[in-house]
């Protein structure tokens, strides 16, 4: 586990602005937080170097590209396999968008997107073929109310 990096109020405000829209110009963010464009650029550069900002990314609407089917798949190992052996195999499946190691009845919770229910079936066959996977349970998503909400951290103000 990595140590927390303390953010001052200005860094927190920059992160809040960029979390809502990472395509915003530094000039726009600077005007919002009361700094020069160069100062915002330097602060973002330092946050990238320190690992506070991992990357800038693009959000694609899954529905518009044909990925209409979402499910969460709980995965249990067989007790003999180590979770660290199973996780890399799950990472190889492009339909598995997220993978979380969890406590409780199951060992992993995976978010899966496919074009249709048969696609989920295919992914489940691939998951069950991984050595050490004992059981899966799927929960099909009927509707997504919101997703990929910007992070909030202690002391940060809610996004406008």
N, C-alpha and C. Protein backbone atom coordinates (compact mmCIF):
# COMPACT_ATOMS: atom_id res chain seq x y z
N UNK A 1 0.84 -1.18 0.00
CA UNK A 1 0.00 0.00 0.00
C UNK A 1 0.88 1.24 0.00
N UNK A 2 0.58 2.17 -0.88
CA UNK A 2 1.38 3.37 -1.01
C UNK A 2 0.93 4.42 -0.01
N UNK A 3 1.88 5.26 0.37
CA UNK A 3 1.58 6.34 1.32
C UNK A 3 0.70 7.38 0.64
N UNK A 4 -0.17 7.99 1.44
CA UNK A 4 -1.00 9.07 0.92
C UNK A 4 -0.14 10.29 0.64
N UNK A 5 -0.46 10.98 -0.44
CA UNK A 5 0.22 12.22 -0.77
C UNK A 5 -0.72 13.35 -0.38
N UNK A 6 -0.22 14.26 0.42
CA UNK A 6 -1.04 15.39 0.87
C UNK A 6 -1.20 16.39 -0.27
N UNK A 7 -2.42 16.80 -0.50
CA UNK A 7 -2.72 17.79 -1.53
C UNK A 7 -3.13 19.09 -0.85
N UNK A 8 -2.64 20.20 -1.37
CA UNK A 8 -3.13 21.46 -0.85
C UNK A 8 -4.46 21.77 -1.53
N UNK A 9 -5.12 22.81 -1.08
CA UNK A 9 -6.44 23.15 -1.59
C UNK A 9 -6.41 23.44 -3.09
N UNK A 10 -5.35 24.08 -3.55
CA UNK A 10 -5.25 24.41 -4.98
C UNK A 10 -5.10 23.15 -5.82
N UNK A 11 -4.24 22.22 -5.40
CA UNK A 11 -4.11 20.95 -6.13
C UNK A 11 -5.45 20.22 -6.15
N UNK A 12 -6.15 20.22 -5.02
CA UNK A 12 -7.45 19.55 -4.95
C UNK A 12 -8.44 20.18 -5.93
N UNK A 13 -8.42 21.50 -6.04
CA UNK A 13 -9.33 22.18 -6.97
C UNK A 13 -8.96 21.89 -8.41
N UNK A 14 -7.67 21.80 -8.71
CA UNK A 14 -7.23 21.43 -10.07
C UNK A 14 -7.69 20.02 -10.39
N UNK A 15 -7.50 19.09 -9.46
CA UNK A 15 -7.94 17.71 -9.69
C UNK A 15 -9.44 17.61 -9.87
N UNK A 16 -10.19 18.37 -9.09
CA UNK A 16 -11.65 18.36 -9.22
C UNK A 16 -12.04 18.84 -10.61
N UNK A 17 -11.41 19.91 -11.08
CA UNK A 17 -11.74 20.45 -12.41
C UNK A 17 -11.39 19.45 -13.51
N UNK A 18 -10.21 18.85 -13.43
CA UNK A 18 -9.78 17.91 -14.47
C UNK A 18 -10.51 16.57 -14.38
N UNK A 19 -10.93 16.17 -13.18
CA UNK A 19 -11.69 14.93 -13.03
C UNK A 19 -13.04 15.03 -13.72
N UNK A 20 -13.61 16.22 -13.70
CA UNK A 20 -14.91 16.41 -14.35
C UNK A 20 -14.75 16.43 -15.87
N UNK A 21 -13.62 16.96 -16.37
CA UNK A 21 -13.38 17.04 -17.82
C UNK A 21 -11.89 17.17 -18.05
N UNK A 22 -11.22 16.07 -18.35
CA UNK A 22 -9.76 16.09 -18.51
C UNK A 22 -9.31 16.80 -19.78
N UNK A 23 -10.24 17.16 -20.65
CA UNK A 23 -9.89 17.89 -21.88
C UNK A 23 -9.87 19.40 -21.68
N UNK A 24 -10.24 19.85 -20.50
CA UNK A 24 -10.22 21.30 -20.24
C UNK A 24 -8.81 21.82 -20.43
N UNK A 25 -8.71 23.01 -20.97
CA UNK A 25 -7.39 23.62 -21.15
C UNK A 25 -6.85 24.07 -19.79
N UNK A 26 -5.53 24.13 -19.71
CA UNK A 26 -4.93 24.62 -18.47
C UNK A 26 -5.31 26.07 -18.24
N UNK A 27 -5.50 26.83 -19.32
CA UNK A 27 -5.92 28.23 -19.18
C UNK A 27 -7.30 28.31 -18.53
N UNK A 28 -8.20 27.42 -18.94
CA UNK A 28 -9.54 27.39 -18.35
C UNK A 28 -9.48 27.00 -16.88
N UNK A 29 -8.69 25.99 -16.56
CA UNK A 29 -8.54 25.56 -15.16
C UNK A 29 -7.88 26.67 -14.35
N UNK A 30 -6.88 27.31 -14.93
CA UNK A 30 -6.18 28.40 -14.23
C UNK A 30 -7.14 29.52 -13.86
N UNK A 31 -8.02 29.88 -14.79
CA UNK A 31 -8.99 30.94 -14.51
C UNK A 31 -9.92 30.53 -13.37
N UNK A 32 -10.27 29.25 -13.32
CA UNK A 32 -11.17 28.77 -12.27
C UNK A 32 -10.51 28.76 -10.89
N UNK A 33 -9.24 28.38 -10.84
CA UNK A 33 -8.58 28.23 -9.54
C UNK A 33 -7.76 29.45 -9.13
N UNK A 34 -7.66 30.45 -10.02
CA UNK A 34 -6.95 31.69 -9.67
C UNK A 34 -5.45 31.61 -9.77
N UNK A 35 -4.94 30.84 -10.73
CA UNK A 35 -3.50 30.76 -10.97
C UNK A 35 -3.19 31.10 -12.42
N UNK A 36 -1.91 31.20 -12.74
CA UNK A 36 -1.52 31.36 -14.14
C UNK A 36 -1.58 29.99 -14.82
N UNK A 37 -1.64 30.02 -16.14
CA UNK A 37 -1.64 28.78 -16.91
C UNK A 37 -0.36 27.99 -16.64
N UNK A 38 0.77 28.69 -16.58
CA UNK A 38 2.06 28.03 -16.32
C UNK A 38 2.07 27.36 -14.95
N UNK A 39 1.48 28.00 -13.94
CA UNK A 39 1.44 27.41 -12.60
C UNK A 39 0.58 26.15 -12.58
N UNK A 40 -0.55 26.16 -13.28
CA UNK A 40 -1.40 24.96 -13.36
C UNK A 40 -0.64 23.85 -14.08
N UNK A 41 0.03 24.19 -15.18
CA UNK A 41 0.82 23.20 -15.91
C UNK A 41 1.86 22.57 -15.01
N UNK A 42 2.58 23.38 -14.25
CA UNK A 42 3.63 22.87 -13.36
C UNK A 42 3.04 21.98 -12.26
N UNK A 43 1.91 22.37 -11.69
CA UNK A 43 1.28 21.55 -10.65
C UNK A 43 0.80 20.22 -11.21
N UNK A 44 0.21 20.23 -12.40
CA UNK A 44 -0.24 18.98 -13.03
C UNK A 44 0.97 18.09 -13.31
N UNK A 45 2.04 18.67 -13.82
CA UNK A 45 3.27 17.91 -14.10
C UNK A 45 3.78 17.23 -12.83
N UNK A 46 3.80 17.96 -11.72
CA UNK A 46 4.27 17.39 -10.44
C UNK A 46 3.34 16.28 -9.96
N UNK A 47 2.03 16.47 -10.14
CA UNK A 47 1.08 15.42 -9.71
C UNK A 47 1.23 14.17 -10.59
N UNK A 48 1.56 14.35 -11.86
CA UNK A 48 1.84 13.20 -12.73
C UNK A 48 3.11 12.49 -12.26
N UNK A 49 4.15 13.24 -11.97
CA UNK A 49 5.42 12.65 -11.52
C UNK A 49 5.26 11.90 -10.20
N UNK A 50 4.42 12.41 -9.29
CA UNK A 50 4.21 11.78 -7.98
C UNK A 50 3.20 10.65 -8.04
N UNK A 51 2.56 10.45 -9.20
CA UNK A 51 1.60 9.36 -9.33
C UNK A 51 0.20 9.70 -8.84
N UNK A 52 -0.04 10.96 -8.49
CA UNK A 52 -1.38 11.37 -8.07
C UNK A 52 -2.32 11.26 -9.27
N UNK A 53 -1.88 11.78 -10.41
CA UNK A 53 -2.61 11.61 -11.67
C UNK A 53 -1.96 10.44 -12.38
N UNK A 54 -2.74 9.40 -12.65
CA UNK A 54 -2.20 8.23 -13.34
C UNK A 54 -2.12 8.43 -14.84
N UNK A 55 -3.19 9.00 -15.42
CA UNK A 55 -3.25 9.19 -16.86
C UNK A 55 -4.46 10.05 -17.19
N UNK A 56 -4.47 10.54 -18.41
CA UNK A 56 -5.65 11.20 -18.95
C UNK A 56 -6.27 10.19 -19.91
N UNK A 57 -7.60 10.09 -19.91
CA UNK A 57 -8.20 9.05 -20.73
C UNK A 57 -9.46 9.55 -21.43
N UNK A 58 -9.93 8.70 -22.30
CA UNK A 58 -11.11 8.96 -23.11
C UNK A 58 -12.23 8.05 -22.65
N UNK A 59 -13.42 8.55 -22.55
CA UNK A 59 -14.59 7.74 -22.17
C UNK A 59 -15.43 7.51 -23.41
N UNK A 60 -15.62 6.25 -23.77
CA UNK A 60 -16.42 5.86 -24.93
C UNK A 60 -17.78 5.38 -24.43
N UNK A 61 -18.85 5.78 -25.08
CA UNK A 61 -20.19 5.31 -24.73
C UNK A 61 -20.32 3.87 -25.20
N UNK A 62 -20.37 2.91 -24.28
CA UNK A 62 -20.41 1.50 -24.68
C UNK A 62 -21.63 1.15 -25.55
N UNK A 63 -22.75 1.77 -25.28
CA UNK A 63 -23.96 1.51 -26.07
C UNK A 63 -23.76 1.87 -27.54
N UNK A 64 -23.10 2.99 -27.78
CA UNK A 64 -22.91 3.46 -29.16
C UNK A 64 -21.94 2.61 -29.96
N UNK A 65 -21.12 1.81 -29.28
CA UNK A 65 -20.20 0.93 -29.99
C UNK A 65 -20.63 -0.54 -29.89
N UNK A 66 -21.90 -0.76 -29.51
CA UNK A 66 -22.45 -2.10 -29.55
C UNK A 66 -22.28 -2.95 -28.31
N UNK A 67 -21.74 -2.38 -27.23
CA UNK A 67 -21.57 -3.15 -26.00
C UNK A 67 -22.78 -2.87 -25.10
N UNK A 68 -23.86 -3.56 -25.40
CA UNK A 68 -25.15 -3.31 -24.75
C UNK A 68 -25.35 -4.12 -23.47
N UNK A 69 -24.49 -5.06 -23.19
CA UNK A 69 -24.73 -6.01 -22.11
C UNK A 69 -23.63 -5.90 -21.07
N UNK A 70 -24.02 -5.61 -19.82
CA UNK A 70 -23.08 -5.49 -18.72
C UNK A 70 -23.46 -6.46 -17.61
N UNK A 71 -22.46 -7.08 -17.03
CA UNK A 71 -22.70 -7.98 -15.90
C UNK A 71 -21.53 -7.87 -14.93
N UNK A 72 -21.82 -8.17 -13.68
CA UNK A 72 -20.78 -8.31 -12.68
C UNK A 72 -20.66 -9.79 -12.39
N UNK A 73 -19.44 -10.30 -12.45
CA UNK A 73 -19.20 -11.72 -12.25
C UNK A 73 -18.35 -11.91 -11.00
N UNK A 74 -18.92 -12.60 -10.03
CA UNK A 74 -18.19 -12.96 -8.81
C UNK A 74 -17.47 -14.27 -9.09
N UNK A 75 -16.20 -14.35 -8.73
CA UNK A 75 -15.36 -15.51 -9.05
C UNK A 75 -14.73 -16.04 -7.77
N UNK A 76 -14.84 -17.36 -7.58
CA UNK A 76 -14.22 -18.00 -6.42
C UNK A 76 -13.14 -18.95 -6.90
N UNK A 77 -11.99 -18.92 -6.21
CA UNK A 77 -10.95 -19.88 -6.59
C UNK A 77 -11.20 -21.20 -5.87
N UNK A 78 -10.47 -22.22 -6.28
CA UNK A 78 -10.72 -23.56 -5.74
C UNK A 78 -9.99 -23.85 -4.44
N UNK A 79 -9.34 -22.86 -3.87
CA UNK A 79 -8.63 -23.06 -2.61
C UNK A 79 -7.19 -23.47 -2.81
N UNK A 80 -6.91 -24.12 -3.91
CA UNK A 80 -5.54 -24.52 -4.20
C UNK A 80 -4.81 -23.47 -5.02
N UNK A 81 -5.55 -22.73 -5.78
CA UNK A 81 -4.94 -21.70 -6.63
C UNK A 81 -4.76 -20.42 -5.84
N UNK A 82 -3.74 -19.72 -6.18
CA UNK A 82 -3.51 -18.42 -5.56
C UNK A 82 -4.14 -17.36 -6.45
N UNK A 83 -4.80 -16.39 -5.84
CA UNK A 83 -5.47 -15.33 -6.60
C UNK A 83 -4.51 -14.62 -7.53
N UNK A 84 -3.25 -14.52 -7.14
CA UNK A 84 -2.27 -13.84 -8.00
C UNK A 84 -2.00 -14.62 -9.28
N UNK A 85 -2.35 -15.91 -9.31
CA UNK A 85 -2.20 -16.71 -10.53
C UNK A 85 -3.41 -16.54 -11.45
N UNK A 86 -4.56 -16.26 -10.87
CA UNK A 86 -5.80 -16.14 -11.65
C UNK A 86 -5.94 -14.74 -12.25
N UNK A 87 -5.60 -13.72 -11.52
CA UNK A 87 -5.79 -12.33 -11.97
C UNK A 87 -5.15 -12.03 -13.32
N UNK A 88 -3.90 -12.45 -13.58
CA UNK A 88 -3.32 -12.15 -14.90
C UNK A 88 -4.10 -12.79 -16.06
N UNK A 89 -4.67 -13.95 -15.81
CA UNK A 89 -5.45 -14.63 -16.86
C UNK A 89 -6.74 -13.86 -17.13
N UNK A 90 -7.35 -13.31 -16.08
CA UNK A 90 -8.57 -12.52 -16.26
C UNK A 90 -8.26 -11.21 -16.98
N UNK A 91 -7.09 -10.65 -16.74
CA UNK A 91 -6.67 -9.43 -17.42
C UNK A 91 -6.58 -9.64 -18.93
N UNK A 92 -6.31 -10.85 -19.37
CA UNK A 92 -6.18 -11.15 -20.79
C UNK A 92 -7.52 -11.10 -21.54
N UNK A 93 -8.64 -11.18 -20.82
CA UNK A 93 -9.95 -11.18 -21.45
C UNK A 93 -10.40 -9.74 -21.68
N UNK A 94 -10.52 -9.30 -22.94
CA UNK A 94 -10.84 -7.89 -23.19
C UNK A 94 -12.22 -7.48 -22.69
N UNK A 95 -13.12 -8.42 -22.50
CA UNK A 95 -14.46 -8.10 -22.01
C UNK A 95 -14.46 -7.77 -20.52
N UNK A 96 -13.41 -8.17 -19.81
CA UNK A 96 -13.30 -7.88 -18.37
C UNK A 96 -12.70 -6.48 -18.24
N UNK A 97 -13.56 -5.52 -17.88
CA UNK A 97 -13.13 -4.12 -17.82
C UNK A 97 -12.52 -3.75 -16.48
N UNK A 98 -12.99 -4.39 -15.42
CA UNK A 98 -12.48 -4.12 -14.08
C UNK A 98 -12.37 -5.44 -13.35
N UNK A 99 -11.41 -5.51 -12.44
CA UNK A 99 -11.27 -6.69 -11.61
C UNK A 99 -10.88 -6.24 -10.22
N UNK A 100 -11.66 -6.66 -9.24
CA UNK A 100 -11.43 -6.29 -7.85
C UNK A 100 -11.25 -7.55 -7.02
N UNK A 101 -10.21 -7.58 -6.21
CA UNK A 101 -10.03 -8.65 -5.23
C UNK A 101 -10.91 -8.27 -4.04
N UNK A 102 -11.78 -9.19 -3.61
CA UNK A 102 -12.75 -8.85 -2.57
C UNK A 102 -12.70 -9.85 -1.42
N UNK A 103 -13.20 -9.41 -0.28
CA UNK A 103 -13.33 -10.28 0.88
C UNK A 103 -14.75 -10.81 0.91
N UNK A 104 -14.92 -12.00 1.43
CA UNK A 104 -16.25 -12.58 1.52
C UNK A 104 -16.30 -13.94 0.85
N UNK A 105 -17.47 -14.29 0.36
CA UNK A 105 -17.68 -15.61 -0.24
C UNK A 105 -16.87 -15.82 -1.52
N UNK A 106 -16.62 -14.73 -2.25
CA UNK A 106 -15.88 -14.82 -3.50
C UNK A 106 -14.54 -14.13 -3.38
N UNK A 107 -13.65 -14.40 -4.33
CA UNK A 107 -12.31 -13.84 -4.31
C UNK A 107 -12.16 -12.62 -5.21
N UNK A 108 -12.94 -12.58 -6.29
CA UNK A 108 -12.88 -11.48 -7.25
C UNK A 108 -14.28 -11.03 -7.63
N UNK A 109 -14.37 -9.78 -8.04
CA UNK A 109 -15.57 -9.25 -8.66
C UNK A 109 -15.12 -8.58 -9.95
N UNK A 110 -15.64 -9.06 -11.08
CA UNK A 110 -15.25 -8.55 -12.39
C UNK A 110 -16.42 -7.84 -13.05
N UNK A 111 -16.14 -6.72 -13.68
CA UNK A 111 -17.14 -6.03 -14.49
C UNK A 111 -16.89 -6.45 -15.94
N UNK A 112 -17.94 -6.96 -16.58
CA UNK A 112 -17.83 -7.51 -17.92
C UNK A 112 -18.80 -6.78 -18.84
N UNK A 113 -18.34 -6.40 -20.03
CA UNK A 113 -19.22 -5.82 -21.05
C UNK A 113 -19.11 -6.65 -22.32
N UNK A 114 -20.27 -6.97 -22.89
CA UNK A 114 -20.32 -7.72 -24.13
C UNK A 114 -21.44 -7.16 -25.01
N UNK A 115 -21.54 -7.69 -26.21
CA UNK A 115 -22.57 -7.23 -27.14
C UNK A 115 -23.95 -7.77 -26.79
N UNK A 116 -24.00 -8.94 -26.17
CA UNK A 116 -25.28 -9.58 -25.85
C UNK A 116 -25.05 -10.69 -24.82
N UNK A 117 -26.13 -11.32 -24.39
CA UNK A 117 -26.06 -12.36 -23.36
C UNK A 117 -25.16 -13.53 -23.78
N UNK A 118 -25.21 -13.89 -25.03
CA UNK A 118 -24.36 -15.00 -25.50
C UNK A 118 -22.89 -14.64 -25.34
N UNK A 119 -22.56 -13.37 -25.48
CA UNK A 119 -21.18 -12.94 -25.25
C UNK A 119 -20.76 -13.17 -23.81
N UNK A 120 -21.67 -12.91 -22.87
CA UNK A 120 -21.38 -13.18 -21.46
C UNK A 120 -21.16 -14.68 -21.26
N UNK A 121 -21.98 -15.47 -21.89
CA UNK A 121 -21.82 -16.93 -21.78
C UNK A 121 -20.43 -17.35 -22.25
N UNK A 122 -19.98 -16.80 -23.37
CA UNK A 122 -18.64 -17.12 -23.88
C UNK A 122 -17.56 -16.72 -22.88
N UNK A 123 -17.69 -15.52 -22.29
CA UNK A 123 -16.71 -15.06 -21.32
C UNK A 123 -16.71 -15.97 -20.09
N UNK A 124 -17.90 -16.39 -19.65
CA UNK A 124 -17.98 -17.28 -18.49
C UNK A 124 -17.28 -18.61 -18.76
N UNK A 125 -17.42 -19.14 -19.96
CA UNK A 125 -16.71 -20.38 -20.31
C UNK A 125 -15.20 -20.16 -20.25
N UNK A 126 -14.74 -18.99 -20.71
CA UNK A 126 -13.31 -18.70 -20.66
C UNK A 126 -12.82 -18.54 -19.23
N UNK A 127 -13.62 -17.89 -18.40
CA UNK A 127 -13.24 -17.71 -16.99
C UNK A 127 -13.18 -19.07 -16.29
N UNK A 128 -14.18 -19.90 -16.50
CA UNK A 128 -14.22 -21.21 -15.83
C UNK A 128 -13.11 -22.14 -16.31
N UNK A 129 -12.54 -21.86 -17.48
CA UNK A 129 -11.44 -22.68 -18.00
C UNK A 129 -10.10 -22.29 -17.38
N UNK A 130 -10.04 -21.20 -16.66
CA UNK A 130 -8.79 -20.77 -16.03
C UNK A 130 -8.49 -21.71 -14.86
N UNK A 131 -7.30 -22.30 -14.83
CA UNK A 131 -6.94 -23.19 -13.72
C UNK A 131 -7.08 -22.47 -12.38
N UNK A 132 -7.77 -23.11 -11.47
CA UNK A 132 -7.96 -22.55 -10.14
C UNK A 132 -9.31 -21.89 -9.93
N UNK A 133 -10.06 -21.61 -10.99
CA UNK A 133 -11.39 -21.03 -10.83
C UNK A 133 -12.38 -22.16 -10.51
N UNK A 134 -13.06 -22.01 -9.39
CA UNK A 134 -13.99 -23.05 -8.95
C UNK A 134 -15.44 -22.71 -9.30
N UNK A 135 -15.79 -21.44 -9.22
CA UNK A 135 -17.21 -21.09 -9.35
C UNK A 135 -17.37 -19.63 -9.74
N UNK A 136 -18.42 -19.34 -10.50
CA UNK A 136 -18.77 -17.96 -10.81
C UNK A 136 -20.25 -17.75 -10.53
N UNK A 137 -20.60 -16.53 -10.22
CA UNK A 137 -21.99 -16.10 -10.10
C UNK A 137 -22.11 -14.76 -10.80
N UNK A 138 -23.10 -14.64 -11.67
CA UNK A 138 -23.24 -13.42 -12.45
C UNK A 138 -24.47 -12.63 -12.04
N UNK A 139 -24.32 -11.32 -12.08
CA UNK A 139 -25.43 -10.40 -11.88
C UNK A 139 -25.50 -9.52 -13.12
N UNK A 140 -26.62 -9.58 -13.81
CA UNK A 140 -26.80 -8.82 -15.04
C UNK A 140 -27.31 -7.42 -14.71
N UNK A 141 -26.73 -6.42 -15.34
CA UNK A 141 -27.12 -5.03 -15.15
C UNK A 141 -28.30 -4.72 -16.06
N UNK A 142 -29.38 -4.22 -15.49
CA UNK A 142 -30.55 -3.83 -16.27
C UNK A 142 -30.42 -2.40 -16.78
N UNK A 143 -29.88 -1.52 -15.95
CA UNK A 143 -29.73 -0.11 -16.30
C UNK A 143 -28.62 0.47 -15.44
N UNK A 144 -27.85 1.37 -15.99
CA UNK A 144 -26.79 2.04 -15.24
C UNK A 144 -27.22 3.48 -14.99
N UNK A 145 -27.39 3.82 -13.74
CA UNK A 145 -27.82 5.18 -13.38
C UNK A 145 -26.67 6.17 -13.51
N UNK A 146 -25.48 5.80 -13.05
CA UNK A 146 -24.28 6.60 -13.26
C UNK A 146 -23.08 5.69 -13.14
N UNK A 147 -21.98 6.17 -13.70
CA UNK A 147 -20.78 5.35 -13.77
C UNK A 147 -19.58 6.28 -13.85
N UNK A 148 -18.44 5.81 -13.36
CA UNK A 148 -17.20 6.57 -13.45
C UNK A 148 -17.31 7.97 -12.89
N UNK A 149 -17.83 8.04 -11.70
CA UNK A 149 -17.94 9.31 -10.99
C UNK A 149 -16.54 9.81 -10.63
N UNK A 150 -16.28 11.10 -10.74
CA UNK A 150 -14.96 11.61 -10.34
C UNK A 150 -14.69 11.30 -8.86
N UNK A 151 -13.43 11.01 -8.55
CA UNK A 151 -13.04 10.71 -7.17
C UNK A 151 -13.22 11.92 -6.28
N UNK A 152 -13.55 11.64 -5.03
CA UNK A 152 -13.51 12.66 -3.97
C UNK A 152 -12.53 12.16 -2.94
N UNK A 153 -11.77 13.03 -2.38
CA UNK A 153 -10.79 12.65 -1.38
C UNK A 153 -11.02 13.51 -0.16
N UNK A 154 -10.47 13.11 0.99
CA UNK A 154 -10.69 13.87 2.22
C UNK A 154 -10.34 15.34 2.02
N UNK A 155 -11.28 16.19 2.39
CA UNK A 155 -11.06 17.61 2.30
C UNK A 155 -11.43 18.23 0.97
N UNK A 156 -11.81 17.40 -0.02
CA UNK A 156 -12.14 17.97 -1.32
C UNK A 156 -13.60 18.45 -1.32
N UNK A 157 -13.83 19.47 -2.11
CA UNK A 157 -15.21 19.99 -2.25
C UNK A 157 -15.90 19.20 -3.35
N UNK A 158 -17.22 19.06 -3.26
CA UNK A 158 -17.94 18.38 -4.32
C UNK A 158 -17.77 19.13 -5.64
N UNK A 159 -17.76 18.35 -6.75
CA UNK A 159 -17.63 18.96 -8.08
C UNK A 159 -18.86 19.79 -8.38
N UNK A 160 -18.66 20.91 -9.06
CA UNK A 160 -19.77 21.81 -9.39
C UNK A 160 -20.63 21.23 -10.49
